[in-house]
């Protein structure tokens, strides 16, 4: 993707920060992987303050996740005064989060249909590792000031953030 101007520390920080949302939302699918590889839990130690605030909001405000989604969508992605770099990364994080939600719905149908815990555990591990890799890649690229090119997601994000 073509680079649209320079990025300062603020742009890089906020672009990396938005990837915490999918990391928080994929946490319920992490049990199998974190049992096998507990070292991956360090990521949640790093975002624990955000996780605490997010959980507090969810317990006090109904539909807090939906409110956060619309706040990011309308307040950041659609706001032309915010740099393209932040808006693009925010849109990518939102799309990853939508994929997690859709996966959760599909997983419920599979569990109800098959009753197999093995299939559900395997799919949960795949989605957790996929989101983890995509978010770490997005965070690293944001910190470097580069656009994170995630296949399909980046194209969709770019089409929304012109």
C-alpha atoms as a PDB file:
ATOM      1  CA  UNK A   1       0.000   0.000   0.000  1.00  0.00           C
ATOM      2  CA  UNK A   2       1.258   3.450  -0.773  1.00  0.00           C
ATOM      3  CA  UNK A   3       2.481   5.420   2.175  1.00  0.00           C
ATOM      4  CA  UNK A   4       0.359   8.491   2.898  1.00  0.00           C
ATOM      5  CA  UNK A   5       2.673  10.946   4.597  1.00  0.00           C
ATOM      6  CA  UNK A   6       4.835  10.501   7.645  1.00  0.00           C
ATOM      7  CA  UNK A   7       3.727   9.079  10.957  1.00  0.00           C
ATOM      8  CA  UNK A   8       4.697  10.508  14.308  1.00  0.00           C
ATOM      9  CA  UNK A   9       4.816   8.764  17.683  1.00  0.00           C
ATOM     10  CA  UNK A  10       1.152   9.538  18.421  1.00  0.00           C
ATOM     11  CA  UNK A  11       0.010   7.946  15.152  1.00  0.00           C
ATOM     12  CA  UNK A  12       2.118   4.864  15.753  1.00  0.00           C
ATOM     13  CA  UNK A  13       0.991   4.487  19.372  1.00  0.00           C
ATOM     14  CA  UNK A  14      -2.745   4.792  18.706  1.00  0.00           C
ATOM     15  CA  UNK A  15      -2.509   2.600  15.604  1.00  0.00           C
ATOM     16  CA  UNK A  16      -0.888  -0.154  17.645  1.00  0.00           C
ATOM     17  CA  UNK A  17      -3.272   0.343  20.572  1.00  0.00           C
ATOM     18  CA  UNK A  18      -6.422  -0.463  18.586  1.00  0.00           C
ATOM     19  CA  UNK A  19      -5.208  -4.026  18.019  1.00  0.00           C
ATOM     20  CA  UNK A  20      -5.804  -4.660  21.727  1.00  0.00           C
ATOM     21  CA  UNK A  21      -9.553  -4.873  21.025  1.00  0.00           C
ATOM     22  CA  UNK A  22      -9.345  -8.073  18.939  1.00  0.00           C
ATOM     23  CA  UNK A  23      -6.812  -9.500  21.405  1.00  0.00           C
ATOM     24  CA  UNK A  24      -9.292  -8.949  24.220  1.00  0.00           C
ATOM     25  CA  UNK A  25     -12.214 -10.383  22.259  1.00  0.00           C
ATOM     26  CA  UNK A  26     -10.315 -13.533  21.203  1.00  0.00           C
ATOM     27  CA  UNK A  27      -9.379 -14.351  24.804  1.00  0.00           C
ATOM     28  CA  UNK A  28     -12.289 -16.822  25.302  1.00  0.00           C
ATOM     29  CA  UNK A  29     -10.873 -18.958  22.467  1.00  0.00           C
ATOM     30  CA  UNK A  30      -7.384 -19.100  23.981  1.00  0.00           C
ATOM     31  CA  UNK A  31      -7.815 -21.729  26.706  1.00  0.00           C
ATOM     32  CA  UNK A  32      -6.507 -24.682  24.686  1.00  0.00           C
ATOM     33  CA  UNK A  33      -3.457 -22.872  23.358  1.00  0.00           C
ATOM     34  CA  UNK A  34      -2.569 -21.144  26.619  1.00  0.00           C
ATOM     35  CA  UNK A  35      -2.746 -24.492  28.426  1.00  0.00           C
ATOM     36  CA  UNK A  36      -0.230 -25.934  25.963  1.00  0.00           C
ATOM     37  CA  UNK A  37       1.942 -22.813  25.574  1.00  0.00           C
ATOM     38  CA  UNK A  38       1.584 -20.707  28.743  1.00  0.00           C
ATOM     39  CA  UNK A  39       4.352 -18.353  27.561  1.00  0.00           C
ATOM     40  CA  UNK A  40       1.840 -16.751  25.165  1.00  0.00           C
ATOM     41  CA  UNK A  41       0.048 -15.390  28.227  1.00  0.00           C
ATOM     42  CA  UNK A  42       2.595 -12.553  28.417  1.00  0.00           C
ATOM     43  CA  UNK A  43       0.533 -10.700  25.832  1.00  0.00           C
ATOM     44  CA  UNK A  44      -2.362 -10.491  28.244  1.00  0.00           C
ATOM     45  CA  UNK A  45      -0.056  -9.274  30.980  1.00  0.00           C
ATOM     46  CA  UNK A  46       0.863  -6.370  28.686  1.00  0.00           C
ATOM     47  CA  UNK A  47      -2.757  -5.431  27.942  1.00  0.00           C
ATOM     48  CA  UNK A  48      -4.107  -6.221  31.416  1.00  0.00           C
ATOM     49  CA  UNK A  49      -4.977  -2.556  32.214  1.00  0.00           C
ATOM     50  CA  UNK A  50      -7.061  -2.333  29.035  1.00  0.00           C
ATOM     51  CA  UNK A  51      -8.591  -5.742  29.739  1.00  0.00           C
ATOM     52  CA  UNK A  52      -9.606  -4.590  33.228  1.00  0.00           C
ATOM     53  CA  UNK A  53     -11.258  -1.413  31.887  1.00  0.00           C
ATOM     54  CA  UNK A  54     -12.991  -3.345  29.092  1.00  0.00           C
ATOM     55  CA  UNK A  55     -14.369  -5.949  31.516  1.00  0.00           C
ATOM     56  CA  UNK A  56     -15.514  -3.217  33.923  1.00  0.00           C
ATOM     57  CA  UNK A  57     -17.359  -1.461  31.100  1.00  0.00           C
ATOM     58  CA  UNK A  58     -18.973  -4.720  29.971  1.00  0.00           C
ATOM     59  CA  UNK A  59     -20.174  -5.490  33.479  1.00  0.00           C
ATOM     60  CA  UNK A  60     -21.654  -2.027  34.111  1.00  0.00           C
ATOM     61  CA  UNK A  61     -22.903  -0.896  30.700  1.00  0.00           C
ATOM     62  CA  UNK A  62     -25.100  -3.181  28.619  1.00  0.00           C
ATOM     63  CA  UNK A  63     -23.808  -3.587  25.061  1.00  0.00           C
ATOM     64  CA  UNK A  64     -20.513  -1.860  25.895  1.00  0.00           C
ATOM     65  CA  UNK A  65     -18.757  -3.786  23.133  1.00  0.00           C
ATOM     66  CA  UNK A  66     -21.245  -2.491  20.576  1.00  0.00           C
ATOM     67  CA  UNK A  67     -20.847   1.049  21.909  1.00  0.00           C
ATOM     68  CA  UNK A  68     -17.050   0.781  21.612  1.00  0.00           C
ATOM     69  CA  UNK A  69     -17.440  -0.546  18.061  1.00  0.00           C
ATOM     70  CA  UNK A  70     -19.586   2.402  16.985  1.00  0.00           C
ATOM     71  CA  UNK A  71     -17.347   4.874  18.832  1.00  0.00           C
ATOM     72  CA  UNK A  72     -14.329   3.603  16.911  1.00  0.00           C
ATOM     73  CA  UNK A  73     -16.245   3.395  13.638  1.00  0.00           C
ATOM     74  CA  UNK A  74     -17.811   6.855  13.793  1.00  0.00           C
ATOM     75  CA  UNK A  75     -15.248   8.659  15.928  1.00  0.00           C
ATOM     76  CA  UNK A  76     -12.074   7.360  14.315  1.00  0.00           C
ATOM     77  CA  UNK A  77     -12.605   5.562  10.993  1.00  0.00           C
ATOM     78  CA  UNK A  78     -15.060   8.099   9.572  1.00  0.00           C
ATOM     79  CA  UNK A  79     -13.269  11.151  11.010  1.00  0.00           C
ATOM     80  CA  UNK A  80     -11.249  12.773   8.203  1.00  0.00           C
ATOM     81  CA  UNK A  81      -9.301  14.924  10.705  1.00  0.00           C
ATOM     82  CA  UNK A  82      -7.563  11.837  12.096  1.00  0.00           C
ATOM     83  CA  UNK A  83      -4.584  10.569  10.114  1.00  0.00           C
ATOM     84  CA  UNK A  84      -5.143   7.904   7.482  1.00  0.00           C
ATOM     85  CA  UNK A  85      -2.659   5.643   9.266  1.00  0.00           C
ATOM     86  CA  UNK A  86      -4.723   5.543  12.491  1.00  0.00           C
ATOM     87  CA  UNK A  87      -8.013   5.192  10.628  1.00  0.00           C
ATOM     88  CA  UNK A  88      -6.699   2.327   8.483  1.00  0.00           C
ATOM     89  CA  UNK A  89      -5.350   0.366  11.456  1.00  0.00           C
ATOM     90  CA  UNK A  90      -8.531   0.990  13.431  1.00  0.00           C
ATOM     91  CA  UNK A  91     -10.601  -0.351  10.547  1.00  0.00           C
ATOM     92  CA  UNK A  92      -8.387  -3.436  10.330  1.00  0.00           C
ATOM     93  CA  UNK A  93      -8.796  -4.078  14.053  1.00  0.00           C
ATOM     94  CA  UNK A  94     -12.573  -3.692  13.712  1.00  0.00           C
ATOM     95  CA  UNK A  95     -12.646  -6.155  10.805  1.00  0.00           C
ATOM     96  CA  UNK A  96     -10.596  -8.687  12.778  1.00  0.00           C
ATOM     97  CA  UNK A  97     -13.057  -8.230  15.642  1.00  0.00           C
ATOM     98  CA  UNK A  98     -16.017  -8.809  13.311  1.00  0.00           C
ATOM     99  CA  UNK A  99     -14.340 -12.012  12.110  1.00  0.00           C
ATOM    100  CA  UNK A 100     -14.065 -13.162  15.740  1.00  0.00           C
ATOM    101  CA  UNK A 101     -17.771 -12.504  16.307  1.00  0.00           C
ATOM    102  CA  UNK A 102     -18.761 -14.362  13.136  1.00  0.00           C
ATOM    103  CA  UNK A 103     -16.502 -17.237  14.091  1.00  0.00           C
ATOM    104  CA  UNK A 104     -18.198 -17.443  17.487  1.00  0.00           C
ATOM    105  CA  UNK A 105     -21.585 -17.774  15.811  1.00  0.00           C
ATOM    106  CA  UNK A 106     -20.335 -20.489  13.447  1.00  0.00           C
ATOM    107  CA  UNK A 107     -18.658 -22.306  16.319  1.00  0.00           C
ATOM    108  CA  UNK A 108     -21.925 -22.402  18.280  1.00  0.00           C
ATOM    109  CA  UNK A 109     -23.681 -23.995  15.302  1.00  0.00           C
ATOM    110  CA  UNK A 110     -20.895 -26.562  14.932  1.00  0.00           C
ATOM    111  CA  UNK A 111     -20.982 -27.437  18.629  1.00  0.00           C
ATOM    112  CA  UNK A 112     -24.767 -27.810  18.595  1.00  0.00           C
ATOM    113  CA  UNK A 113     -24.702 -29.804  15.340  1.00  0.00           C
ATOM    114  CA  UNK A 114     -21.854 -32.181  16.040  1.00  0.00           C
ATOM    115  CA  UNK A 115     -21.538 -32.173  19.799  1.00  0.00           C
ATOM    116  CA  UNK A 116     -17.807 -32.754  19.307  1.00  0.00           C
ATOM    117  CA  UNK A 117     -15.480 -30.980  21.656  1.00  0.00           C
ATOM    118  CA  UNK A 118     -12.456 -31.858  19.537  1.00  0.00           C
ATOM    119  CA  UNK A 119     -13.700 -29.903  16.532  1.00  0.00           C
ATOM    120  CA  UNK A 120     -14.610 -26.910  18.687  1.00  0.00           C
ATOM    121  CA  UNK A 121     -11.232 -26.947  20.467  1.00  0.00           C
ATOM    122  CA  UNK A 122      -9.327 -27.225  17.197  1.00  0.00           C
ATOM    123  CA  UNK A 123     -11.247 -24.361  15.590  1.00  0.00           C
ATOM    124  CA  UNK A 124     -10.872 -22.236  18.716  1.00  0.00           C
ATOM    125  CA  UNK A 125      -7.122 -22.782  18.667  1.00  0.00           C
ATOM    126  CA  UNK A 126      -6.949 -21.842  14.982  1.00  0.00           C
ATOM    127  CA  UNK A 127      -8.897 -18.605  15.429  1.00  0.00           C
ATOM    128  CA  UNK A 128      -6.910 -17.659  18.525  1.00  0.00           C
ATOM    129  CA  UNK A 129      -3.551 -18.216  16.830  1.00  0.00           C
ATOM    130  CA  UNK A 130      -4.701 -16.481  13.628  1.00  0.00           C
ATOM    131  CA  UNK A 131      -5.918 -13.398  15.477  1.00  0.00           C
ATOM    132  CA  UNK A 132      -2.833 -13.395  17.695  1.00  0.00           C
ATOM    133  CA  UNK A 133      -0.484 -13.455  14.699  1.00  0.00           C
ATOM    134  CA  UNK A 134      -2.498 -10.825  12.808  1.00  0.00           C
ATOM    135  CA  UNK A 135      -2.592  -8.503  15.827  1.00  0.00           C
ATOM    136  CA  UNK A 136       1.087  -8.897  16.665  1.00  0.00           C
ATOM    137  CA  UNK A 137       1.930  -8.227  13.027  1.00  0.00           C
ATOM    138  CA  UNK A 138      -0.336  -5.154  13.041  1.00  0.00           C
ATOM    139  CA  UNK A 139       1.198  -3.870  16.274  1.00  0.00           C
ATOM    140  CA  UNK A 140       4.766  -4.320  15.010  1.00  0.00           C
ATOM    141  CA  UNK A 141       4.026  -2.713  11.656  1.00  0.00           C
ATOM    142  CA  UNK A 142       2.234   0.187  13.366  1.00  0.00           C
ATOM    143  CA  UNK A 143       5.157   0.708  15.726  1.00  0.00           C
ATOM    144  CA  UNK A 144       7.470   0.806  12.696  1.00  0.00           C
ATOM    145  CA  UNK A 145       5.193   3.310  10.955  1.00  0.00           C
ATOM    146  CA  UNK A 146       4.269   0.917   8.126  1.00  0.00           C
ATOM    147  CA  UNK A 147       0.891  -0.242   6.952  1.00  0.00           C
ATOM    148  CA  UNK A 148       0.164  -3.839   7.999  1.00  0.00           C
ATOM    149  CA  UNK A 149      -0.812  -5.778   4.877  1.00  0.00           C
ATOM    150  CA  UNK A 150      -3.125  -8.567   6.032  1.00  0.00           C
ATOM    151  CA  UNK A 151      -4.639 -10.386   3.038  1.00  0.00           C
ATOM    152  CA  UNK A 152      -8.310  -9.588   2.380  1.00  0.00           C
ATOM    153  CA  UNK A 153      -8.652  -7.586   5.613  1.00  0.00           C
ATOM    154  CA  UNK A 154      -6.336  -4.822   4.403  1.00  0.00           C
ATOM    155  CA  UNK A 155      -8.200  -4.568   1.104  1.00  0.00           C
ATOM    156  CA  UNK A 156     -11.529  -4.260   2.923  1.00  0.00           C
ATOM    157  CA  UNK A 157     -10.077  -1.736   5.379  1.00  0.00           C
ATOM    158  CA  UNK A 158      -8.583   0.331   2.600  1.00  0.00           C
ATOM    159  CA  UNK A 159     -11.900   0.421   0.730  1.00  0.00           C
ATOM    160  CA  UNK A 160     -13.612   1.811   3.848  1.00  0.00           C
ATOM    161  CA  UNK A 161     -10.945   4.401   4.692  1.00  0.00           C
ATOM    162  CA  UNK A 162     -10.406   6.404   1.532  1.00  0.00           C
END
